[in-house]
Amino acid sequence: MLKGIDPVLDGDVLRALDRLGHSDRLIVADAHFPAYRLVDHVITLAVDVPRAVRAVCSVIDLDTVDAAVMMDSGAPLLDVQREILEAGALSEADASFVGRAEFYELAARAQVVLRTLEPRTWANVILSKGVTPTA
């Protein structure tokens, strides 16, 4: 076990995150998301989406442009969406909200999906990796 690494991040997840470059995208998805239909590289995590986002953001910085893209539920921000933004230390202004079809189009270009056991709907987020500052 590695010291200082969130235990949600096993070797497969760390490898996938390490391979991401600036502006590459990853999806943290709920259990309903059609991950295997859209993306070749899928890793399943036995946690909910906010927990997975918190773990991911503990080892990578998000891009300052298009940090997060979420599905627009057609309603005000849902509790699960608020929890996801909080887990990523993001505000609602840091996220873009798009319709389901557009979300799936964007998702198909992601490098990896972290599929969770999250049972709540609308709990999907596309995160863009940023540049990790030196020093």
N, C-alpha and C. Protein backbone atom coordinates (compact mmCIF):
# COMPACT_ATOMS: atom_id res chain seq x y z
N MET A 1 0.84 -1.18 0.00
CA MET A 1 0.00 0.00 0.00
C MET A 1 0.88 1.24 0.00
N LEU A 2 0.47 2.24 -0.77
CA LEU A 2 1.23 3.47 -0.86
C LEU A 2 0.75 4.45 0.21
N LYS A 3 1.68 5.14 0.82
CA LYS A 3 1.35 6.14 1.82
C LYS A 3 0.85 7.40 1.13
N GLY A 4 -0.19 8.00 1.69
CA GLY A 4 -0.68 9.27 1.19
C GLY A 4 -1.56 9.17 -0.04
N ILE A 5 -1.81 7.96 -0.53
CA ILE A 5 -2.66 7.76 -1.69
C ILE A 5 -4.03 7.27 -1.22
N ASP A 6 -5.08 7.90 -1.68
CA ASP A 6 -6.43 7.48 -1.33
C ASP A 6 -6.60 6.01 -1.71
N PRO A 7 -7.08 5.16 -0.80
CA PRO A 7 -7.20 3.72 -1.09
C PRO A 7 -8.19 3.39 -2.21
N VAL A 8 -9.04 4.34 -2.60
CA VAL A 8 -9.92 4.12 -3.74
C VAL A 8 -9.10 3.99 -5.03
N LEU A 9 -7.92 4.61 -5.03
CA LEU A 9 -7.08 4.66 -6.22
C LEU A 9 -6.12 3.47 -6.24
N ASP A 10 -6.57 2.37 -6.84
CA ASP A 10 -5.70 1.21 -6.96
C ASP A 10 -4.73 1.41 -8.12
N GLY A 11 -3.90 0.43 -8.36
CA GLY A 11 -2.88 0.54 -9.41
C GLY A 11 -3.45 0.82 -10.78
N ASP A 12 -4.57 0.19 -11.12
CA ASP A 12 -5.18 0.41 -12.43
C ASP A 12 -5.65 1.86 -12.58
N VAL A 13 -6.26 2.39 -11.54
CA VAL A 13 -6.74 3.78 -11.61
C VAL A 13 -5.56 4.74 -11.67
N LEU A 14 -4.57 4.53 -10.82
CA LEU A 14 -3.39 5.41 -10.84
C LEU A 14 -2.69 5.38 -12.19
N ARG A 15 -2.58 4.21 -12.79
CA ARG A 15 -1.97 4.09 -14.12
C ARG A 15 -2.78 4.89 -15.15
N ALA A 16 -4.09 4.74 -15.12
CA ALA A 16 -4.95 5.46 -16.07
C ALA A 16 -4.83 6.97 -15.88
N LEU A 17 -4.82 7.43 -14.63
CA LEU A 17 -4.70 8.85 -14.36
C LEU A 17 -3.33 9.38 -14.78
N ASP A 18 -2.29 8.58 -14.54
CA ASP A 18 -0.93 8.99 -14.90
C ASP A 18 -0.78 9.14 -16.41
N ARG A 19 -1.52 8.38 -17.17
CA ARG A 19 -1.42 8.43 -18.63
C ARG A 19 -2.18 9.59 -19.24
N LEU A 20 -2.99 10.28 -18.45
CA LEU A 20 -3.72 11.43 -18.96
C LEU A 20 -2.79 12.62 -19.14
N GLY A 21 -2.94 13.32 -20.25
CA GLY A 21 -2.21 14.55 -20.48
C GLY A 21 -3.13 15.74 -20.29
N HIS A 22 -2.57 16.92 -20.44
CA HIS A 22 -3.33 18.14 -20.28
C HIS A 22 -4.54 18.14 -21.21
N SER A 23 -5.69 18.39 -20.67
CA SER A 23 -7.01 18.47 -21.32
C SER A 23 -7.58 17.11 -21.72
N ASP A 24 -6.88 16.01 -21.42
CA ASP A 24 -7.49 14.69 -21.62
C ASP A 24 -8.64 14.55 -20.64
N ARG A 25 -9.62 13.77 -21.03
CA ARG A 25 -10.84 13.66 -20.23
C ARG A 25 -11.05 12.27 -19.66
N LEU A 26 -11.60 12.26 -18.46
CA LEU A 26 -12.03 11.03 -17.84
C LEU A 26 -13.44 11.22 -17.35
N ILE A 27 -14.16 10.14 -17.28
CA ILE A 27 -15.54 10.18 -16.82
C ILE A 27 -15.61 9.46 -15.49
N VAL A 28 -16.30 10.05 -14.54
CA VAL A 28 -16.68 9.35 -13.32
C VAL A 28 -18.18 9.18 -13.45
N ALA A 29 -18.61 7.92 -13.52
CA ALA A 29 -19.98 7.62 -13.92
C ALA A 29 -20.75 6.83 -12.87
N ASP A 30 -22.06 7.02 -12.93
CA ASP A 30 -22.94 6.23 -12.06
C ASP A 30 -23.13 4.83 -12.65
N ALA A 31 -23.81 3.99 -11.91
CA ALA A 31 -23.99 2.59 -12.31
C ALA A 31 -24.88 2.44 -13.55
N HIS A 32 -25.61 3.47 -13.91
CA HIS A 32 -26.52 3.41 -15.06
C HIS A 32 -25.85 3.78 -16.37
N PHE A 33 -24.67 4.38 -16.30
CA PHE A 33 -24.00 4.93 -17.47
C PHE A 33 -23.56 3.82 -18.43
N PRO A 34 -23.78 3.98 -19.74
CA PRO A 34 -23.41 2.94 -20.71
C PRO A 34 -21.90 2.95 -21.03
N ALA A 35 -21.10 2.75 -20.02
CA ALA A 35 -19.64 2.90 -20.13
C ALA A 35 -19.04 2.00 -21.21
N TYR A 36 -19.39 0.73 -21.19
CA TYR A 36 -18.76 -0.22 -22.10
C TYR A 36 -19.17 0.00 -23.55
N ARG A 37 -20.28 0.67 -23.79
CA ARG A 37 -20.70 0.98 -25.14
C ARG A 37 -19.93 2.17 -25.69
N LEU A 38 -19.49 3.07 -24.83
CA LEU A 38 -18.90 4.33 -25.28
C LEU A 38 -17.39 4.39 -25.25
N VAL A 39 -16.77 3.72 -24.31
CA VAL A 39 -15.33 3.86 -24.11
C VAL A 39 -14.70 2.48 -23.92
N ASP A 40 -13.52 2.29 -24.46
CA ASP A 40 -12.83 1.00 -24.35
C ASP A 40 -12.24 0.74 -22.97
N HIS A 41 -11.77 1.79 -22.31
CA HIS A 41 -11.08 1.61 -21.04
C HIS A 41 -12.02 1.97 -19.89
N VAL A 42 -12.53 0.94 -19.21
CA VAL A 42 -13.48 1.11 -18.10
C VAL A 42 -12.91 0.44 -16.86
N ILE A 43 -12.92 1.16 -15.75
CA ILE A 43 -12.49 0.63 -14.46
C ILE A 43 -13.65 0.81 -13.50
N THR A 44 -14.01 -0.24 -12.79
CA THR A 44 -15.11 -0.17 -11.83
C THR A 44 -14.58 0.10 -10.43
N LEU A 45 -15.21 1.05 -9.75
CA LEU A 45 -14.86 1.39 -8.37
C LEU A 45 -16.07 1.13 -7.49
N ALA A 46 -15.85 0.53 -6.35
CA ALA A 46 -16.95 0.17 -5.45
C ALA A 46 -17.26 1.29 -4.46
N VAL A 47 -17.44 2.50 -5.01
CA VAL A 47 -17.80 3.67 -4.21
C VAL A 47 -18.83 4.48 -4.99
N ASP A 48 -19.33 5.56 -4.39
CA ASP A 48 -20.24 6.43 -5.13
C ASP A 48 -19.44 7.48 -5.91
N VAL A 49 -20.11 8.23 -6.76
CA VAL A 49 -19.41 9.19 -7.63
C VAL A 49 -18.70 10.29 -6.84
N PRO A 50 -19.35 10.95 -5.87
CA PRO A 50 -18.61 11.99 -5.14
C PRO A 50 -17.32 11.46 -4.49
N ARG A 51 -17.39 10.26 -3.94
CA ARG A 51 -16.18 9.68 -3.32
C ARG A 51 -15.09 9.45 -4.36
N ALA A 52 -15.47 8.96 -5.53
CA ALA A 52 -14.49 8.72 -6.59
C ALA A 52 -13.89 10.05 -7.08
N VAL A 53 -14.72 11.07 -7.24
CA VAL A 53 -14.22 12.37 -7.67
C VAL A 53 -13.24 12.93 -6.65
N ARG A 54 -13.57 12.82 -5.38
CA ARG A 54 -12.67 13.30 -4.32
C ARG A 54 -11.31 12.59 -4.41
N ALA A 55 -11.33 11.29 -4.63
CA ALA A 55 -10.09 10.54 -4.73
C ALA A 55 -9.28 10.97 -5.96
N VAL A 56 -9.95 11.09 -7.10
CA VAL A 56 -9.27 11.51 -8.33
C VAL A 56 -8.62 12.88 -8.14
N CYS A 57 -9.37 13.80 -7.57
CA CYS A 57 -8.87 15.17 -7.41
C CYS A 57 -7.79 15.28 -6.34
N SER A 58 -7.57 14.21 -5.60
CA SER A 58 -6.47 14.22 -4.62
C SER A 58 -5.12 13.99 -5.30
N VAL A 59 -5.13 13.54 -6.57
CA VAL A 59 -3.86 13.26 -7.25
C VAL A 59 -3.68 13.98 -8.58
N ILE A 60 -4.74 14.60 -9.11
CA ILE A 60 -4.58 15.39 -10.33
C ILE A 60 -5.24 16.75 -10.15
N ASP A 61 -4.74 17.71 -10.91
CA ASP A 61 -5.38 19.01 -10.98
C ASP A 61 -6.31 19.01 -12.17
N LEU A 62 -7.43 19.70 -12.03
CA LEU A 62 -8.37 19.82 -13.14
C LEU A 62 -8.01 21.03 -13.99
N ASP A 63 -8.39 20.97 -15.25
CA ASP A 63 -8.13 22.07 -16.17
C ASP A 63 -8.86 23.32 -15.70
N THR A 64 -8.34 24.45 -16.03
CA THR A 64 -9.01 25.71 -15.67
C THR A 64 -10.10 26.06 -16.67
N VAL A 65 -10.12 25.39 -17.81
CA VAL A 65 -11.15 25.56 -18.83
C VAL A 65 -11.85 24.22 -18.98
N ASP A 66 -13.17 24.20 -18.95
CA ASP A 66 -13.93 22.95 -19.08
C ASP A 66 -13.51 21.92 -18.04
N ALA A 67 -13.36 22.36 -16.80
CA ALA A 67 -12.96 21.44 -15.73
C ALA A 67 -13.92 20.27 -15.59
N ALA A 68 -15.21 20.57 -15.71
CA ALA A 68 -16.22 19.53 -15.51
C ALA A 68 -17.40 19.76 -16.45
N VAL A 69 -17.90 18.67 -17.00
CA VAL A 69 -19.11 18.70 -17.81
C VAL A 69 -20.08 17.70 -17.18
N MET A 70 -21.32 18.15 -16.96
CA MET A 70 -22.33 17.30 -16.36
C MET A 70 -23.57 17.29 -17.24
N MET A 71 -24.40 16.27 -17.06
CA MET A 71 -25.67 16.20 -17.78
C MET A 71 -26.67 17.17 -17.15
N ASP A 72 -27.37 17.87 -18.00
CA ASP A 72 -28.43 18.76 -17.55
C ASP A 72 -29.68 17.92 -17.31
N SER A 73 -30.15 17.89 -16.09
CA SER A 73 -31.31 17.08 -15.74
C SER A 73 -32.62 17.78 -16.10
N GLY A 74 -32.54 19.05 -16.47
CA GLY A 74 -33.75 19.81 -16.75
C GLY A 74 -34.35 20.41 -15.48
N ALA A 75 -33.71 20.15 -14.36
CA ALA A 75 -34.16 20.67 -13.07
C ALA A 75 -33.03 21.50 -12.48
N PRO A 76 -33.30 22.20 -11.39
CA PRO A 76 -32.19 22.87 -10.70
C PRO A 76 -31.13 21.84 -10.30
N LEU A 77 -29.96 22.31 -9.95
CA LEU A 77 -28.86 21.43 -9.57
C LEU A 77 -29.33 20.40 -8.54
N LEU A 78 -29.13 19.15 -8.85
CA LEU A 78 -29.54 18.06 -7.95
C LEU A 78 -28.54 17.90 -6.82
N ASP A 79 -28.98 17.30 -5.72
CA ASP A 79 -28.09 17.08 -4.57
C ASP A 79 -26.84 16.32 -4.98
N VAL A 80 -26.98 15.26 -5.78
CA VAL A 80 -25.82 14.46 -6.17
C VAL A 80 -24.87 15.29 -7.03
N GLN A 81 -25.39 16.16 -7.87
CA GLN A 81 -24.53 17.00 -8.69
C GLN A 81 -23.78 18.01 -7.81
N ARG A 82 -24.46 18.54 -6.82
CA ARG A 82 -23.82 19.46 -5.87
C ARG A 82 -22.70 18.73 -5.12
N GLU A 83 -22.96 17.51 -4.69
CA GLU A 83 -21.95 16.72 -3.98
C GLU A 83 -20.74 16.45 -4.87
N ILE A 84 -20.98 16.19 -6.14
CA ILE A 84 -19.88 15.93 -7.08
C ILE A 84 -19.02 17.18 -7.23
N LEU A 85 -19.66 18.33 -7.42
CA LEU A 85 -18.91 19.58 -7.54
C LEU A 85 -18.11 19.86 -6.27
N GLU A 86 -18.72 19.68 -5.11
CA GLU A 86 -18.00 19.89 -3.85
C GLU A 86 -16.82 18.95 -3.71
N ALA A 87 -17.00 17.71 -4.13
CA ALA A 87 -15.91 16.72 -4.03
C ALA A 87 -14.72 17.13 -4.90
N GLY A 88 -15.00 17.80 -6.01
CA GLY A 88 -13.93 18.26 -6.89
C GLY A 88 -13.47 19.68 -6.60
N ALA A 89 -13.95 20.25 -5.50
CA ALA A 89 -13.65 21.64 -5.13
C ALA A 89 -14.01 22.59 -6.26
N LEU A 90 -15.17 22.34 -6.87
CA LEU A 90 -15.64 23.13 -8.00
C LEU A 90 -16.92 23.87 -7.62
N SER A 91 -17.14 25.00 -8.26
CA SER A 91 -18.41 25.70 -8.11
C SER A 91 -19.29 25.36 -9.30
N GLU A 92 -20.54 25.74 -9.22
CA GLU A 92 -21.45 25.51 -10.34
C GLU A 92 -20.95 26.24 -11.59
N ALA A 93 -20.30 27.39 -11.40
CA ALA A 93 -19.76 28.16 -12.52
C ALA A 93 -18.59 27.46 -13.20
N ASP A 94 -17.93 26.53 -12.51
CA ASP A 94 -16.81 25.78 -13.09
C ASP A 94 -17.28 24.66 -14.00
N ALA A 95 -18.57 24.36 -13.97
CA ALA A 95 -19.10 23.22 -14.74
C ALA A 95 -19.95 23.69 -15.90
N SER A 96 -19.93 22.88 -16.95
CA SER A 96 -20.84 23.06 -18.08
C SER A 96 -21.92 22.00 -17.95
N PHE A 97 -23.13 22.35 -18.34
CA PHE A 97 -24.24 21.41 -18.30
C PHE A 97 -24.78 21.25 -19.71
N VAL A 98 -24.80 20.00 -20.18
CA VAL A 98 -25.23 19.71 -21.55
C VAL A 98 -26.30 18.63 -21.52
N GLY A 99 -27.04 18.52 -22.61
CA GLY A 99 -28.05 17.48 -22.72
C GLY A 99 -27.43 16.09 -22.79
N ARG A 100 -28.27 15.09 -22.61
CA ARG A 100 -27.78 13.70 -22.56
C ARG A 100 -27.06 13.29 -23.85
N ALA A 101 -27.64 13.61 -24.99
CA ALA A 101 -27.02 13.21 -26.27
C ALA A 101 -25.64 13.84 -26.43
N GLU A 102 -25.53 15.14 -26.12
CA GLU A 102 -24.23 15.80 -26.22
C GLU A 102 -23.24 15.25 -25.20
N PHE A 103 -23.74 14.93 -24.01
CA PHE A 103 -22.87 14.34 -22.99
C PHE A 103 -22.29 13.03 -23.50
N TYR A 104 -23.12 12.18 -24.09
CA TYR A 104 -22.64 10.90 -24.61
C TYR A 104 -21.64 11.09 -25.75
N GLU A 105 -21.85 12.12 -26.59
CA GLU A 105 -20.89 12.40 -27.66
C GLU A 105 -19.53 12.79 -27.07
N LEU A 106 -19.55 13.65 -26.07
CA LEU A 106 -18.31 14.05 -25.41
C LEU A 106 -17.68 12.86 -24.69
N ALA A 107 -18.50 12.06 -24.06
CA ALA A 107 -18.01 10.90 -23.30
C ALA A 107 -17.29 9.91 -24.20
N ALA A 108 -17.76 9.76 -25.42
CA ALA A 108 -17.15 8.79 -26.34
C ALA A 108 -15.72 9.17 -26.69
N ARG A 109 -15.33 10.40 -26.43
CA ARG A 109 -13.96 10.84 -26.71
C ARG A 109 -13.07 10.82 -25.46
N ALA A 110 -13.60 10.36 -24.35
CA ALA A 110 -12.82 10.30 -23.11
C ALA A 110 -11.81 9.16 -23.16
N GLN A 111 -10.76 9.29 -22.39
CA GLN A 111 -9.71 8.27 -22.36
C GLN A 111 -10.04 7.11 -21.44
N VAL A 112 -10.83 7.37 -20.40
CA VAL A 112 -11.15 6.32 -19.43
C VAL A 112 -12.46 6.65 -18.72
N VAL A 113 -13.18 5.60 -18.33
CA VAL A 113 -14.37 5.75 -17.49
C VAL A 113 -14.10 5.06 -16.16
N LEU A 114 -14.32 5.79 -15.09
CA LEU A 114 -14.33 5.20 -13.76
C LEU A 114 -15.81 5.00 -13.43
N ARG A 115 -16.25 3.76 -13.59
CA ARG A 115 -17.66 3.41 -13.38
C ARG A 115 -17.83 3.05 -11.90
N THR A 116 -18.76 3.70 -11.25
CA THR A 116 -18.97 3.49 -9.82
C THR A 116 -20.24 2.67 -9.59
N LEU A 117 -20.51 2.42 -8.34
CA LEU A 117 -21.73 1.74 -7.95
C LEU A 117 -22.82 2.74 -7.54
N GLU A 118 -22.64 4.00 -7.93
CA GLU A 118 -23.58 5.06 -7.59
C GLU A 118 -24.97 4.74 -8.12
N PRO A 119 -26.00 4.63 -7.24
CA PRO A 119 -27.34 4.31 -7.71
C PRO A 119 -28.15 5.52 -8.17
N ARG A 120 -27.73 6.74 -7.78
CA ARG A 120 -28.51 7.93 -8.15
C ARG A 120 -28.31 8.29 -9.62
N THR A 121 -29.37 8.75 -10.24
CA THR A 121 -29.29 9.15 -11.64
C THR A 121 -28.73 10.57 -11.76
N TRP A 122 -28.28 10.93 -12.95
CA TRP A 122 -27.67 12.22 -13.26
C TRP A 122 -26.35 12.41 -12.53
N ALA A 123 -25.73 11.34 -12.09
CA ALA A 123 -24.49 11.42 -11.31
C ALA A 123 -23.29 11.07 -12.18
N ASN A 124 -23.17 11.75 -13.31
CA ASN A 124 -22.04 11.52 -14.22
C ASN A 124 -21.32 12.84 -14.43
N VAL A 125 -20.00 12.76 -14.51
CA VAL A 125 -19.22 13.98 -14.75
C VAL A 125 -18.02 13.63 -15.63
N ILE A 126 -17.76 14.51 -16.58
CA ILE A 126 -16.55 14.41 -17.38
C ILE A 126 -15.59 15.44 -16.81
N LEU A 127 -14.42 14.97 -16.42
CA LEU A 127 -13.39 15.85 -15.84
C LEU A 127 -12.25 16.00 -16.85
N SER A 128 -11.73 17.20 -16.97
CA SER A 128 -10.58 17.46 -17.84
C SER A 128 -9.34 17.67 -16.98
N LYS A 129 -8.31 16.89 -17.29
CA LYS A 129 -7.06 17.00 -16.51
C LYS A 129 -6.36 18.30 -16.85
N GLY A 130 -5.88 18.93 -15.82
CA GLY A 130 -5.13 20.17 -15.99
C GLY A 130 -3.64 19.93 -15.95
N VAL A 131 -2.91 21.00 -15.85
CA VAL A 131 -1.46 20.97 -15.74
C VAL A 131 -1.10 20.98 -14.26
N THR A 132 -0.25 20.09 -13.86
CA THR A 132 0.21 20.05 -12.47
C THR A 132 1.37 21.01 -12.32
N PRO A 133 1.21 22.03 -11.48
CA PRO A 133 2.30 23.00 -11.34
C PRO A 133 3.53 22.36 -10.71
N THR A 134 4.68 22.85 -11.10
CA THR A 134 5.93 22.38 -10.50
C THR A 134 6.27 23.27 -9.33
N ALA A 135 7.08 22.73 -8.46
CA ALA A 135 7.56 23.43 -7.26
C ALA A 135 6.46 23.65 -6.35
